[in-house]
Amino acid sequence: MDASKQHPKPTDAGKTCAKQSCMYLVHVSICPLGGLDSSYSSAACRQFMSAAATMTAPYARRGHQNKNELLVNELLQIVSAAATTRGVFASIELLADRLRCHAKDCPEPAWYELAEVGGSLVVRFATPDRWLSESIETDLMHFGDPIEELIEEELAELGWRGKMPTVKHFRDDDRVYTFENAVPAAADGSADKVAAEKFLFAYEAAFRALGDVGGGDETD
């Protein structure tokens, strides 16, 4: 009997099994590899494993990403409750990918955020008002202290110890003036609830004392 009629080609077998594995329902009975000689079976199985891994990899990555997003969302909810209890913000919004806390007593629109960026957390102070941003810069130049040191002092008051990341200052594409840095992750690389909470509160305390953020020097 013609050997080609006894067994399907390895390519066809690999494709058939890979399509089934993409649905996580692979069963040995759908893959006609049994009873083959060892050399044929080995080649076909290698092709099957390679094709299956290629087709299922996006689903595995998506599952990991969804898990990280879920953890970040839970973290933001917890920090939102803590921020409400602290009472230092004018109002608090829990958005899809960020926690936004509006600055209290600030004469111009300004807010603090914990935002999810690529599975990690970023803390920031932002305002669309150029004069408010410049008032902060003026105070930093006048006192001569880097913003990192001011935030680090507030972190120390809150009991946090660690290396202070560099704060980036820029105007984004929406013309919002922003100060931000990454929140240090936990030892396993996941978002750290304690660090997120302390960085948010440290940002609030540090920026409230700069420029006109805390209401300026105006008197009645």
N, C-alpha and C. Protein backbone atom coordinates (compact mmCIF):
# COMPACT_ATOMS: atom_id res chain seq x y z
N MET A 1 0.85 -1.20 0.00
CA MET A 1 0.00 0.00 0.00
C MET A 1 0.88 1.24 0.00
N ASP A 2 0.41 2.25 -0.71
CA ASP A 2 1.16 3.52 -0.79
C ASP A 2 1.22 4.17 0.58
N ALA A 3 2.46 4.46 1.07
CA ALA A 3 2.62 5.05 2.42
C ALA A 3 1.93 6.39 2.54
N SER A 4 1.87 7.15 1.43
CA SER A 4 1.25 8.47 1.49
C SER A 4 -0.23 8.40 1.77
N LYS A 5 -0.88 7.21 1.45
CA LYS A 5 -2.30 7.06 1.71
C LYS A 5 -2.56 6.61 3.14
N GLN A 6 -1.54 6.06 3.78
CA GLN A 6 -1.70 5.59 5.14
C GLN A 6 -1.69 6.74 6.14
N HIS A 7 -0.85 7.72 5.92
CA HIS A 7 -0.67 8.80 6.90
C HIS A 7 -0.83 10.16 6.22
N PRO A 8 -1.43 11.14 6.89
CA PRO A 8 -1.50 12.49 6.33
C PRO A 8 -0.12 13.12 6.36
N LYS A 9 0.09 14.11 5.51
CA LYS A 9 1.36 14.82 5.49
C LYS A 9 1.57 15.54 6.83
N PRO A 10 2.82 15.68 7.29
CA PRO A 10 3.09 16.38 8.55
C PRO A 10 2.51 17.79 8.56
N THR A 11 2.60 18.47 7.42
CA THR A 11 2.11 19.86 7.36
C THR A 11 0.62 19.91 7.65
N ASP A 12 -0.15 19.00 7.06
CA ASP A 12 -1.60 19.00 7.29
C ASP A 12 -1.92 18.65 8.74
N ALA A 13 -1.17 17.71 9.29
CA ALA A 13 -1.42 17.31 10.67
C ALA A 13 -1.13 18.46 11.62
N GLY A 14 -0.01 19.16 11.38
CA GLY A 14 0.36 20.28 12.25
C GLY A 14 -0.69 21.37 12.21
N LYS A 15 -1.18 21.68 10.99
CA LYS A 15 -2.19 22.74 10.86
C LYS A 15 -3.48 22.36 11.58
N THR A 16 -3.90 21.10 11.41
CA THR A 16 -5.14 20.64 12.02
C THR A 16 -5.08 20.76 13.53
N CYS A 17 -3.98 20.26 14.12
CA CYS A 17 -3.85 20.29 15.57
C CYS A 17 -3.71 21.71 16.09
N ALA A 18 -2.98 22.58 15.39
CA ALA A 18 -2.78 23.96 15.85
C ALA A 18 -4.10 24.71 15.89
N LYS A 19 -4.96 24.47 14.87
CA LYS A 19 -6.25 25.16 14.86
C LYS A 19 -7.10 24.74 16.05
N GLN A 20 -7.08 23.44 16.36
CA GLN A 20 -7.85 22.96 17.49
C GLN A 20 -7.30 23.48 18.80
N SER A 21 -5.94 23.57 18.92
CA SER A 21 -5.33 23.99 20.18
C SER A 21 -5.63 25.44 20.47
N CYS A 22 -5.88 26.25 19.45
CA CYS A 22 -6.17 27.67 19.65
C CYS A 22 -7.42 27.85 20.49
N MET A 23 -8.31 26.82 20.50
CA MET A 23 -9.54 26.87 21.28
C MET A 23 -9.37 26.14 22.61
N TYR A 24 -8.13 25.77 22.92
CA TYR A 24 -7.83 25.08 24.18
C TYR A 24 -8.62 23.77 24.32
N LEU A 25 -8.95 23.09 23.18
CA LEU A 25 -9.73 21.87 23.22
C LEU A 25 -9.01 20.72 22.50
N VAL A 26 -7.69 20.79 22.52
CA VAL A 26 -6.92 19.78 21.81
C VAL A 26 -7.14 18.41 22.47
N HIS A 27 -7.38 17.37 21.66
CA HIS A 27 -7.51 16.00 22.16
C HIS A 27 -6.72 15.09 21.23
N VAL A 28 -6.10 14.10 21.80
CA VAL A 28 -5.23 13.26 20.98
C VAL A 28 -5.96 12.64 19.80
N SER A 29 -7.27 12.43 19.91
CA SER A 29 -7.99 11.75 18.84
C SER A 29 -8.11 12.58 17.58
N ILE A 30 -7.93 13.91 17.69
CA ILE A 30 -8.07 14.75 16.50
C ILE A 30 -6.77 14.83 15.74
N CYS A 31 -5.70 14.31 16.32
CA CYS A 31 -4.39 14.39 15.67
C CYS A 31 -3.95 12.98 15.28
N PRO A 32 -4.00 12.62 14.03
CA PRO A 32 -3.70 11.25 13.61
C PRO A 32 -2.21 10.97 13.56
N LEU A 33 -1.58 11.10 14.74
CA LEU A 33 -0.14 10.84 14.79
C LEU A 33 0.19 9.49 15.40
N GLY A 34 -0.82 8.85 15.99
CA GLY A 34 -0.56 7.58 16.66
C GLY A 34 -0.21 6.48 15.67
N GLY A 35 0.64 5.55 16.12
CA GLY A 35 0.97 4.39 15.32
C GLY A 35 1.96 4.65 14.21
N LEU A 36 2.56 5.85 14.18
CA LEU A 36 3.52 6.15 13.13
C LEU A 36 4.91 5.71 13.57
N ASP A 37 5.78 5.56 12.63
CA ASP A 37 7.15 5.23 13.00
C ASP A 37 7.75 6.42 13.73
N SER A 38 8.80 6.17 14.51
CA SER A 38 9.33 7.18 15.42
C SER A 38 9.82 8.42 14.70
N SER A 39 10.46 8.31 13.57
CA SER A 39 11.01 9.48 12.88
C SER A 39 9.89 10.37 12.35
N TYR A 40 8.84 9.75 11.78
CA TYR A 40 7.72 10.52 11.25
C TYR A 40 6.98 11.23 12.39
N SER A 41 6.71 10.48 13.49
CA SER A 41 5.98 11.03 14.62
C SER A 41 6.73 12.20 15.24
N SER A 42 8.04 12.07 15.40
CA SER A 42 8.85 13.13 16.01
C SER A 42 8.78 14.41 15.21
N ALA A 43 8.91 14.31 13.90
CA ALA A 43 8.87 15.50 13.05
C ALA A 43 7.51 16.16 13.10
N ALA A 44 6.44 15.35 13.03
CA ALA A 44 5.08 15.89 13.04
C ALA A 44 4.77 16.56 14.36
N CYS A 45 5.20 15.94 15.47
CA CYS A 45 4.93 16.50 16.80
C CYS A 45 5.66 17.83 17.00
N ARG A 46 6.89 17.89 16.50
CA ARG A 46 7.62 19.16 16.62
C ARG A 46 6.89 20.26 15.87
N GLN A 47 6.38 19.93 14.67
CA GLN A 47 5.66 20.92 13.88
C GLN A 47 4.37 21.33 14.59
N PHE A 48 3.69 20.34 15.15
CA PHE A 48 2.46 20.62 15.89
C PHE A 48 2.71 21.56 17.07
N MET A 49 3.73 21.27 17.88
CA MET A 49 4.03 22.07 19.06
C MET A 49 4.40 23.49 18.67
N SER A 50 5.17 23.64 17.60
CA SER A 50 5.57 24.96 17.15
C SER A 50 4.39 25.77 16.68
N ALA A 51 3.51 25.14 15.88
CA ALA A 51 2.34 25.85 15.36
C ALA A 51 1.38 26.21 16.49
N ALA A 52 1.19 25.28 17.44
CA ALA A 52 0.28 25.53 18.55
C ALA A 52 0.77 26.68 19.42
N ALA A 53 2.06 26.70 19.68
CA ALA A 53 2.63 27.76 20.51
C ALA A 53 2.47 29.12 19.84
N THR A 54 2.68 29.16 18.53
CA THR A 54 2.56 30.42 17.79
C THR A 54 1.14 30.95 17.84
N MET A 55 0.15 30.06 17.70
CA MET A 55 -1.23 30.50 17.63
C MET A 55 -1.82 30.83 18.99
N THR A 56 -1.33 30.22 20.06
CA THR A 56 -1.89 30.46 21.39
C THR A 56 -1.15 31.54 22.16
N ALA A 57 0.04 31.95 21.72
CA ALA A 57 0.82 32.95 22.45
C ALA A 57 0.06 34.26 22.66
N PRO A 58 -0.64 34.80 21.64
CA PRO A 58 -1.38 36.06 21.87
C PRO A 58 -2.41 35.95 22.97
N TYR A 59 -3.06 34.77 23.10
CA TYR A 59 -4.05 34.59 24.14
C TYR A 59 -3.41 34.56 25.52
N ALA A 60 -2.25 33.95 25.61
CA ALA A 60 -1.53 33.89 26.89
C ALA A 60 -1.11 35.29 27.32
N ARG A 61 -0.57 36.07 26.36
CA ARG A 61 -0.16 37.44 26.68
C ARG A 61 -1.36 38.29 27.10
N ARG A 62 -2.47 38.09 26.40
CA ARG A 62 -3.66 38.87 26.72
C ARG A 62 -4.16 38.54 28.11
N GLY A 63 -4.09 37.27 28.50
CA GLY A 63 -4.52 36.88 29.84
C GLY A 63 -3.64 37.52 30.91
N HIS A 64 -2.32 37.56 30.67
CA HIS A 64 -1.40 38.19 31.62
C HIS A 64 -1.67 39.69 31.73
N GLN A 65 -1.93 40.33 30.57
CA GLN A 65 -2.20 41.76 30.57
C GLN A 65 -3.50 42.06 31.30
N ASN A 66 -4.53 41.26 31.06
CA ASN A 66 -5.80 41.48 31.74
C ASN A 66 -5.67 41.32 33.24
N LYS A 67 -4.83 40.38 33.67
CA LYS A 67 -4.61 40.18 35.10
C LYS A 67 -3.94 41.40 35.71
N ASN A 68 -2.93 41.96 35.02
CA ASN A 68 -2.26 43.16 35.52
C ASN A 68 -3.21 44.34 35.60
N GLU A 69 -4.05 44.49 34.56
CA GLU A 69 -5.01 45.59 34.55
C GLU A 69 -6.00 45.46 35.70
N LEU A 70 -6.42 44.23 35.98
CA LEU A 70 -7.34 43.98 37.08
C LEU A 70 -6.70 44.36 38.41
N LEU A 71 -5.44 43.98 38.61
CA LEU A 71 -4.74 44.31 39.84
C LEU A 71 -4.59 45.82 40.00
N VAL A 72 -4.26 46.52 38.91
CA VAL A 72 -4.10 47.97 38.97
C VAL A 72 -5.44 48.63 39.30
N ASN A 73 -6.52 48.15 38.69
CA ASN A 73 -7.84 48.72 38.97
C ASN A 73 -8.24 48.54 40.43
N GLU A 74 -7.95 47.37 40.97
CA GLU A 74 -8.24 47.13 42.39
C GLU A 74 -7.41 48.05 43.26
N LEU A 75 -6.14 48.24 42.89
CA LEU A 75 -5.26 49.13 43.65
C LEU A 75 -5.79 50.56 43.64
N LEU A 76 -6.22 51.04 42.47
CA LEU A 76 -6.73 52.41 42.37
C LEU A 76 -7.99 52.61 43.23
N GLN A 77 -8.82 51.59 43.31
CA GLN A 77 -10.01 51.67 44.15
C GLN A 77 -9.64 51.80 45.62
N ILE A 78 -8.63 51.04 46.03
CA ILE A 78 -8.19 51.09 47.43
C ILE A 78 -7.59 52.45 47.75
N VAL A 79 -6.73 52.97 46.85
CA VAL A 79 -6.10 54.27 47.09
C VAL A 79 -7.15 55.38 47.05
N SER A 80 -8.17 55.23 46.21
CA SER A 80 -9.25 56.22 46.14
C SER A 80 -9.95 56.36 47.50
N ALA A 81 -10.19 55.23 48.13
CA ALA A 81 -10.83 55.25 49.44
C ALA A 81 -9.94 55.94 50.47
N ALA A 82 -8.64 55.66 50.41
CA ALA A 82 -7.69 56.28 51.34
C ALA A 82 -7.59 57.78 51.10
N ALA A 83 -7.62 58.19 49.83
CA ALA A 83 -7.55 59.61 49.48
C ALA A 83 -8.79 60.35 49.97
N THR A 84 -9.94 59.72 49.87
CA THR A 84 -11.18 60.33 50.36
C THR A 84 -11.11 60.53 51.86
N THR A 85 -10.61 59.53 52.57
CA THR A 85 -10.49 59.62 54.03
C THR A 85 -9.50 60.70 54.44
N ARG A 86 -8.44 60.87 53.67
CA ARG A 86 -7.41 61.86 54.02
C ARG A 86 -7.94 63.28 53.95
N GLY A 87 -8.85 63.56 53.03
CA GLY A 87 -9.52 64.86 52.99
C GLY A 87 -8.69 66.02 52.52
N VAL A 88 -7.65 65.79 51.72
CA VAL A 88 -6.80 66.88 51.26
C VAL A 88 -7.06 67.28 49.81
N PHE A 89 -8.06 66.63 49.18
CA PHE A 89 -8.36 66.92 47.78
C PHE A 89 -9.75 67.53 47.65
N ALA A 90 -9.91 68.40 46.65
CA ALA A 90 -11.20 69.04 46.43
C ALA A 90 -12.25 68.03 45.97
N SER A 91 -11.85 67.13 45.09
CA SER A 91 -12.73 66.06 44.61
C SER A 91 -11.87 64.95 44.04
N ILE A 92 -12.48 63.77 43.90
CA ILE A 92 -11.74 62.59 43.45
C ILE A 92 -12.55 61.89 42.37
N GLU A 93 -11.86 61.52 41.29
CA GLU A 93 -12.50 60.79 40.20
C GLU A 93 -11.75 59.47 39.98
N LEU A 94 -12.48 58.39 39.92
CA LEU A 94 -11.90 57.09 39.60
C LEU A 94 -12.27 56.79 38.15
N LEU A 95 -11.31 56.98 37.25
CA LEU A 95 -11.54 56.80 35.83
C LEU A 95 -11.09 55.40 35.39
N ALA A 96 -11.22 55.12 34.10
CA ALA A 96 -10.94 53.77 33.61
C ALA A 96 -9.52 53.32 33.88
N ASP A 97 -8.55 54.21 33.69
CA ASP A 97 -7.14 53.81 33.82
C ASP A 97 -6.36 54.70 34.77
N ARG A 98 -7.08 55.48 35.59
CA ARG A 98 -6.37 56.39 36.49
C ARG A 98 -7.26 56.86 37.64
N LEU A 99 -6.59 57.33 38.67
CA LEU A 99 -7.26 57.99 39.79
C LEU A 99 -6.87 59.45 39.73
N ARG A 100 -7.86 60.34 39.63
CA ARG A 100 -7.59 61.77 39.51
C ARG A 100 -8.13 62.49 40.73
N CYS A 101 -7.25 63.20 41.43
CA CYS A 101 -7.60 63.94 42.64
C CYS A 101 -7.36 65.42 42.39
N HIS A 102 -8.40 66.21 42.43
CA HIS A 102 -8.29 67.64 42.12
C HIS A 102 -7.72 68.41 43.30
N ALA A 103 -6.83 69.36 42.98
CA ALA A 103 -6.13 70.13 44.01
C ALA A 103 -7.10 71.01 44.79
N LYS A 104 -6.94 71.00 46.09
CA LYS A 104 -7.81 71.77 46.98
C LYS A 104 -7.27 73.19 47.15
N ASP A 105 -8.17 74.18 47.10
CA ASP A 105 -7.85 75.60 47.29
C ASP A 105 -7.00 76.20 46.18
N CYS A 106 -6.79 75.47 45.11
CA CYS A 106 -5.99 75.99 43.99
C CYS A 106 -6.87 76.92 43.14
N PRO A 107 -6.37 78.12 42.82
CA PRO A 107 -7.18 79.08 42.06
C PRO A 107 -7.39 78.69 40.60
N GLU A 108 -6.58 77.78 40.09
CA GLU A 108 -6.68 77.34 38.70
C GLU A 108 -6.85 75.82 38.65
N PRO A 109 -7.36 75.29 37.55
CA PRO A 109 -7.53 73.84 37.45
C PRO A 109 -6.19 73.11 37.60
N ALA A 110 -6.16 72.13 38.46
CA ALA A 110 -4.95 71.33 38.69
C ALA A 110 -5.36 70.04 39.38
N TRP A 111 -4.61 68.99 39.13
CA TRP A 111 -4.96 67.71 39.72
C TRP A 111 -3.74 66.82 39.89
N TYR A 112 -3.90 65.83 40.75
CA TYR A 112 -2.89 64.79 40.98
C TYR A 112 -3.47 63.50 40.43
N GLU A 113 -2.59 62.68 39.88
CA GLU A 113 -3.07 61.42 39.29
C GLU A 113 -2.16 60.25 39.63
N LEU A 114 -2.79 59.11 39.76
CA LEU A 114 -2.12 57.81 39.66
C LEU A 114 -2.67 57.21 38.39
N ALA A 115 -1.81 56.98 37.41
CA ALA A 115 -2.28 56.51 36.11
C ALA A 115 -1.56 55.23 35.71
N GLU A 116 -2.30 54.33 35.08
CA GLU A 116 -1.72 53.09 34.58
C GLU A 116 -1.14 53.34 33.19
N VAL A 117 0.16 53.07 33.06
CA VAL A 117 0.85 53.25 31.77
C VAL A 117 1.62 51.98 31.47
N GLY A 118 1.13 51.21 30.52
CA GLY A 118 1.82 49.98 30.15
C GLY A 118 1.95 48.96 31.26
N GLY A 119 0.94 48.89 32.12
CA GLY A 119 0.97 47.92 33.21
C GLY A 119 1.67 48.41 34.46
N SER A 120 2.25 49.61 34.40
CA SER A 120 2.92 50.21 35.57
C SER A 120 2.17 51.46 36.00
N LEU A 121 2.50 51.97 37.18
CA LEU A 121 1.85 53.16 37.70
C LEU A 121 2.76 54.38 37.59
N VAL A 122 2.14 55.52 37.28
CA VAL A 122 2.81 56.80 37.24
C VAL A 122 2.05 57.76 38.15
N VAL A 123 2.76 58.55 38.93
CA VAL A 123 2.14 59.58 39.75
C VAL A 123 2.48 60.93 39.11
N ARG A 124 1.51 61.85 39.11
CA ARG A 124 1.77 63.14 38.46
C ARG A 124 0.95 64.27 39.06
N PHE A 125 1.48 65.48 38.86
CA PHE A 125 0.74 66.71 39.11
C PHE A 125 0.58 67.37 37.75
N ALA A 126 -0.62 67.84 37.43
CA ALA A 126 -0.87 68.39 36.10
C ALA A 126 -1.79 69.59 36.18
N THR A 127 -1.56 70.54 35.28
CA THR A 127 -2.42 71.71 35.17
C THR A 127 -2.37 72.24 33.73
N PRO A 128 -3.49 72.70 33.21
CA PRO A 128 -3.48 73.32 31.89
C PRO A 128 -3.09 74.79 31.94
N ASP A 129 -2.91 75.32 33.15
CA ASP A 129 -2.63 76.74 33.32
C ASP A 129 -1.12 77.02 33.32
N ARG A 130 -0.67 77.76 32.34
CA ARG A 130 0.76 78.04 32.21
C ARG A 130 1.29 78.86 33.38
N TRP A 131 0.49 79.82 33.86
CA TRP A 131 0.95 80.69 34.95
C TRP A 131 1.10 79.90 36.25
N LEU A 132 0.23 78.96 36.47
CA LEU A 132 0.36 78.13 37.67
C LEU A 132 1.63 77.28 37.59
N SER A 133 1.89 76.72 36.43
CA SER A 133 3.11 75.94 36.24
C SER A 133 4.34 76.81 36.45
N GLU A 134 4.31 78.02 35.91
CA GLU A 134 5.46 78.92 36.07
C GLU A 134 5.64 79.37 37.51
N SER A 135 4.55 79.48 38.27
CA SER A 135 4.68 79.86 39.68
C SER A 135 5.40 78.76 40.46
N ILE A 136 5.18 77.51 40.08
CA ILE A 136 5.88 76.39 40.71
C ILE A 136 7.37 76.44 40.35
N GLU A 137 7.65 76.65 39.06
CA GLU A 137 9.04 76.71 38.61
C GLU A 137 9.78 77.86 39.29
N THR A 138 9.11 79.00 39.48
CA THR A 138 9.73 80.15 40.13
C THR A 138 10.14 79.82 41.55
N ASP A 139 9.25 79.16 42.29
CA ASP A 139 9.59 78.79 43.66
C ASP A 139 10.73 77.79 43.71
N LEU A 140 10.76 76.86 42.80
CA LEU A 140 11.84 75.88 42.78
C LEU A 140 13.18 76.56 42.51
N MET A 141 13.18 77.54 41.60
CA MET A 141 14.41 78.29 41.32
C MET A 141 14.80 79.16 42.50
N HIS A 142 13.82 79.76 43.16
CA HIS A 142 14.10 80.67 44.28
C HIS A 142 14.69 79.91 45.47
N PHE A 143 14.09 78.77 45.81
CA PHE A 143 14.56 78.01 46.98
C PHE A 143 15.76 77.13 46.64
N GLY A 144 15.94 76.82 45.37
CA GLY A 144 17.10 76.04 44.95
C GLY A 144 17.04 74.57 45.26
N ASP A 145 15.88 74.08 45.65
CA ASP A 145 15.75 72.64 45.96
C ASP A 145 15.13 71.90 44.79
N PRO A 146 15.75 70.82 44.36
CA PRO A 146 15.14 70.01 43.30
C PRO A 146 13.79 69.48 43.77
N ILE A 147 12.86 69.34 42.83
CA ILE A 147 11.53 68.85 43.20
C ILE A 147 11.62 67.44 43.78
N GLU A 148 12.61 66.65 43.33
CA GLU A 148 12.78 65.29 43.87
C GLU A 148 13.04 65.31 45.37
N GLU A 149 13.85 66.29 45.83
CA GLU A 149 14.16 66.37 47.25
C GLU A 149 12.94 66.75 48.07
N LEU A 150 12.13 67.66 47.53
CA LEU A 150 10.93 68.07 48.25
C LEU A 150 9.95 66.91 48.39
N ILE A 151 9.78 66.16 47.33
CA ILE A 151 8.88 65.00 47.39
C ILE A 151 9.45 63.93 48.30
N GLU A 152 10.76 63.73 48.25
CA GLU A 152 11.40 62.72 49.09
C GLU A 152 11.24 63.06 50.57
N GLU A 153 11.29 64.35 50.91
CA GLU A 153 11.07 64.75 52.30
C GLU A 153 9.66 64.40 52.76
N GLU A 154 8.69 64.62 51.89
CA GLU A 154 7.32 64.28 52.24
C GLU A 154 7.14 62.77 52.34
N LEU A 155 7.82 62.02 51.48
CA LEU A 155 7.77 60.57 51.56
C LEU A 155 8.34 60.07 52.88
N ALA A 156 9.42 60.70 53.32
CA ALA A 156 10.03 60.33 54.60
C ALA A 156 9.06 60.58 55.75
N GLU A 157 8.32 61.69 55.67
CA GLU A 157 7.32 62.00 56.70
C GLU A 157 6.23 60.93 56.74
N LEU A 158 5.97 60.33 55.59
CA LEU A 158 4.95 59.29 55.50
C LEU A 158 5.50 57.90 55.80
N GLY A 159 6.80 57.83 56.11
CA GLY A 159 7.40 56.56 56.49
C GLY A 159 7.91 55.71 55.34
N TRP A 160 8.03 56.31 54.14
CA TRP A 160 8.53 55.54 53.00
C TRP A 160 10.03 55.73 52.86
N ARG A 161 10.74 54.65 52.60
CA ARG A 161 12.18 54.70 52.40
C ARG A 161 12.51 54.02 51.07
N GLY A 162 13.30 54.68 50.28
CA GLY A 162 13.66 54.10 48.99
C GLY A 162 14.29 55.18 48.11
N LYS A 163 14.68 54.77 46.92
CA LYS A 163 15.30 55.71 45.98
C LYS A 163 14.22 56.50 45.26
N MET A 164 14.35 57.81 45.31
CA MET A 164 13.37 58.67 44.65
C MET A 164 13.64 58.72 43.14
N PRO A 165 12.65 58.36 42.32
CA PRO A 165 12.85 58.42 40.86
C PRO A 165 12.97 59.86 40.38
N THR A 166 13.51 60.05 39.20
CA THR A 166 13.62 61.37 38.59
C THR A 166 12.23 61.85 38.17
N VAL A 167 11.94 63.11 38.46
CA VAL A 167 10.66 63.71 38.08
C VAL A 167 10.82 64.39 36.72
N LYS A 168 9.95 64.02 35.79
CA LYS A 168 9.96 64.65 34.48
C LYS A 168 8.98 65.82 34.47
N HIS A 169 9.39 66.92 33.84
CA HIS A 169 8.53 68.10 33.72
C HIS A 169 8.39 68.43 32.24
N PHE A 170 7.15 68.48 31.76
CA PHE A 170 6.94 68.70 30.33
C PHE A 170 5.52 69.20 30.09
N ARG A 171 5.27 69.64 28.87
CA ARG A 171 3.92 69.96 28.43
C ARG A 171 3.52 68.90 27.42
N ASP A 172 2.39 68.22 27.66
CA ASP A 172 2.01 67.13 26.78
C ASP A 172 1.29 67.63 25.54
N ASP A 173 0.82 66.71 24.72
CA ASP A 173 0.19 67.06 23.45
C ASP A 173 -1.10 67.84 23.64
N ASP A 174 -1.73 67.69 24.81
CA ASP A 174 -2.97 68.44 25.10
C ASP A 174 -2.68 69.77 25.79
N ARG A 175 -1.40 70.17 25.81
CA ARG A 175 -0.95 71.42 26.42
C ARG A 175 -1.23 71.46 27.92
N VAL A 176 -1.05 70.31 28.54
CA VAL A 176 -1.15 70.21 29.99
C VAL A 176 0.25 70.14 30.56
N TYR A 177 0.56 71.05 31.50
CA TYR A 177 1.89 71.10 32.12
C TYR A 177 1.94 70.03 33.21
N THR A 178 2.95 69.18 33.12
CA THR A 178 2.96 67.96 33.94
C THR A 178 4.30 67.73 34.63
N PHE A 179 4.21 67.32 35.88
CA PHE A 179 5.35 66.80 36.65
C PHE A 179 4.99 65.34 36.95
N GLU A 180 5.87 64.40 36.64
CA GLU A 180 5.52 63.01 36.91
C GLU A 180 6.74 62.13 37.07
N ASN A 181 6.53 61.01 37.73
CA ASN A 181 7.56 59.97 37.82
C ASN A 181 6.88 58.62 38.00
N ALA A 182 7.62 57.57 37.69
CA ALA A 182 7.11 56.21 37.87
C ALA A 182 7.06 55.88 39.36
N VAL A 183 6.03 55.15 39.76
CA VAL A 183 5.93 54.69 41.14
C VAL A 183 6.71 53.39 41.25
N PRO A 184 7.66 53.29 42.18
CA PRO A 184 8.44 52.05 42.33
C PRO A 184 7.52 50.84 42.51
N ALA A 185 7.84 49.77 41.81
CA ALA A 185 7.02 48.56 41.86
C ALA A 185 7.41 47.71 43.08
N ALA A 186 6.58 46.73 43.36
CA ALA A 186 6.87 45.78 44.44
C ALA A 186 8.01 44.86 44.01
N ALA A 187 8.46 44.02 44.93
CA ALA A 187 9.60 43.15 44.66
C ALA A 187 9.33 42.19 43.50
N ASP A 188 8.07 41.80 43.32
CA ASP A 188 7.73 40.87 42.24
C ASP A 188 7.40 41.58 40.94
N GLY A 189 7.57 42.92 40.91
CA GLY A 189 7.34 43.68 39.69
C GLY A 189 5.93 44.20 39.54
N SER A 190 5.03 43.83 40.44
CA SER A 190 3.65 44.29 40.35
C SER A 190 3.51 45.68 40.97
N ALA A 191 2.37 46.33 40.71
CA ALA A 191 2.11 47.64 41.29
C ALA A 191 2.05 47.54 42.81
N ASP A 192 2.65 48.50 43.49
CA ASP A 192 2.76 48.48 44.95
C ASP A 192 1.74 49.46 45.54
N LYS A 193 0.75 48.92 46.27
CA LYS A 193 -0.31 49.76 46.83
C LYS A 193 0.24 50.78 47.83
N VAL A 194 1.14 50.34 48.69
CA VAL A 194 1.69 51.23 49.72
C VAL A 194 2.47 52.37 49.07
N ALA A 195 3.32 52.04 48.09
CA ALA A 195 4.09 53.08 47.41
C ALA A 195 3.18 54.02 46.64
N ALA A 196 2.17 53.49 45.97
CA ALA A 196 1.24 54.32 45.20
C ALA A 196 0.54 55.33 46.10
N GLU A 197 0.08 54.87 47.22
CA GLU A 197 -0.63 55.74 48.17
C GLU A 197 0.30 56.82 48.72
N LYS A 198 1.49 56.45 49.12
CA LYS A 198 2.41 57.41 49.72
C LYS A 198 2.92 58.43 48.69
N PHE A 199 3.16 57.98 47.46
CA PHE A 199 3.61 58.92 46.43
C PHE A 199 2.52 59.93 46.09
N LEU A 200 1.29 59.49 46.05
CA LEU A 200 0.18 60.42 45.78
C LEU A 200 0.09 61.48 46.86
N PHE A 201 0.16 61.06 48.12
CA PHE A 201 0.06 62.00 49.23
C PHE A 201 1.30 62.89 49.33
N ALA A 202 2.46 62.35 49.00
CA ALA A 202 3.69 63.14 49.03
C ALA A 202 3.65 64.21 47.93
N TYR A 203 3.15 63.87 46.78
CA TYR A 203 2.99 64.85 45.69
C TYR A 203 2.07 65.98 46.14
N GLU A 204 0.97 65.62 46.76
CA GLU A 204 0.01 66.64 47.21
C GLU A 204 0.66 67.59 48.21
N ALA A 205 1.37 67.05 49.17
CA ALA A 205 2.00 67.88 50.21
C ALA A 205 3.10 68.77 49.63
N ALA A 206 3.88 68.21 48.71
CA ALA A 206 5.00 68.98 48.14
C ALA A 206 4.50 70.09 47.23
N PHE A 207 3.56 69.80 46.35
CA PHE A 207 3.11 70.81 45.39
C PHE A 207 2.17 71.84 46.02
N ARG A 208 1.48 71.45 47.07
CA ARG A 208 0.61 72.42 47.75
C ARG A 208 1.41 73.59 48.29
N ALA A 209 2.70 73.36 48.62
CA ALA A 209 3.55 74.41 49.18
C ALA A 209 4.29 75.21 48.12
N LEU A 210 4.06 74.89 46.84
CA LEU A 210 4.79 75.57 45.77
C LEU A 210 3.88 76.49 44.96
N GLY A 211 4.41 77.64 44.58
CA GLY A 211 3.68 78.55 43.71
C GLY A 211 2.32 78.92 44.29
N ASP A 212 1.33 78.93 43.39
CA ASP A 212 -0.02 79.28 43.80
C ASP A 212 -0.92 78.06 43.99
N VAL A 213 -0.34 76.87 44.04
CA VAL A 213 -1.13 75.65 44.11
C VAL A 213 -2.00 75.62 45.37
N GLY A 214 -1.43 76.06 46.48
CA GLY A 214 -2.18 76.02 47.75
C GLY A 214 -3.01 77.27 47.99
N GLY A 215 -3.17 78.11 46.98
CA GLY A 215 -3.96 79.33 47.14
C GLY A 215 -3.12 80.59 47.09
N GLY A 216 -1.79 80.44 46.99
CA GLY A 216 -0.92 81.61 46.87
C GLY A 216 -0.82 82.38 48.16
N ASP A 217 -0.37 83.63 48.04
CA ASP A 217 -0.17 84.48 49.22
C ASP A 217 -1.23 85.56 49.32
N GLU A 218 -2.36 85.36 48.59
CA GLU A 218 -3.39 86.39 48.59
C GLU A 218 -4.07 86.46 49.96
N THR A 219 -4.39 87.64 50.38
CA THR A 219 -5.10 87.87 51.64
C THR A 219 -6.36 88.65 51.36
N ASP A 220 -7.35 88.52 52.23
CA ASP A 220 -8.63 89.23 52.05
C ASP A 220 -8.43 90.73 52.25
